């Protein structure tokens, strides 16, 4: 792409920043529905949504960090668009949480708060990758974190469903064994 062509699409540094930030958020909106396609089991859908979110972050660590550092640099209307895209992507996860609650797999929890705990846990992979990446891969990080976060909220039925889901995943990919 020539420098002249770039100016057909962007007029200043804020445009470049905005495009970079929206690409990360649009990735969630593409990858989570793709991961959910064909899944009907609520626990499997929840797990797939969180994993897709985490994998987007893993593939875009620098861009995720940029979102944290530079969103404040945008004009208000662009910050509002970023916030809306974040809310839309978080809704994909909260819908899965609500489904688990309705099916009796999760306790009756504050869905929004739990969703944001999941999102922040996933973001911590980027924020603290300097610490974790030398010790864990993204899948082990997600396995361990989900185990910590789910224990207080899953019902007995949910624990059984989660265990079956992990067994099926381990059987499908014997090299990746969750904690």
Foldseek 3Di string as FASTA:
>chain_A
DDPVVVCVQDPDPLSVLLVLLVVLLVQLVPQLVVQQPPDDDLVSSLLSSLLSNLVSCVVPLVSLVSCVPCLVVHDPVSNVVSVVSVVVSLVSNLVSVVVCCVVQFWPPDDSVVLSVVSNVLSNVCSVVVVPPVVPDDSVQSSLVVCVVSRVVTGDPVNVVVVVVVQVVVCVVPVVDHYD
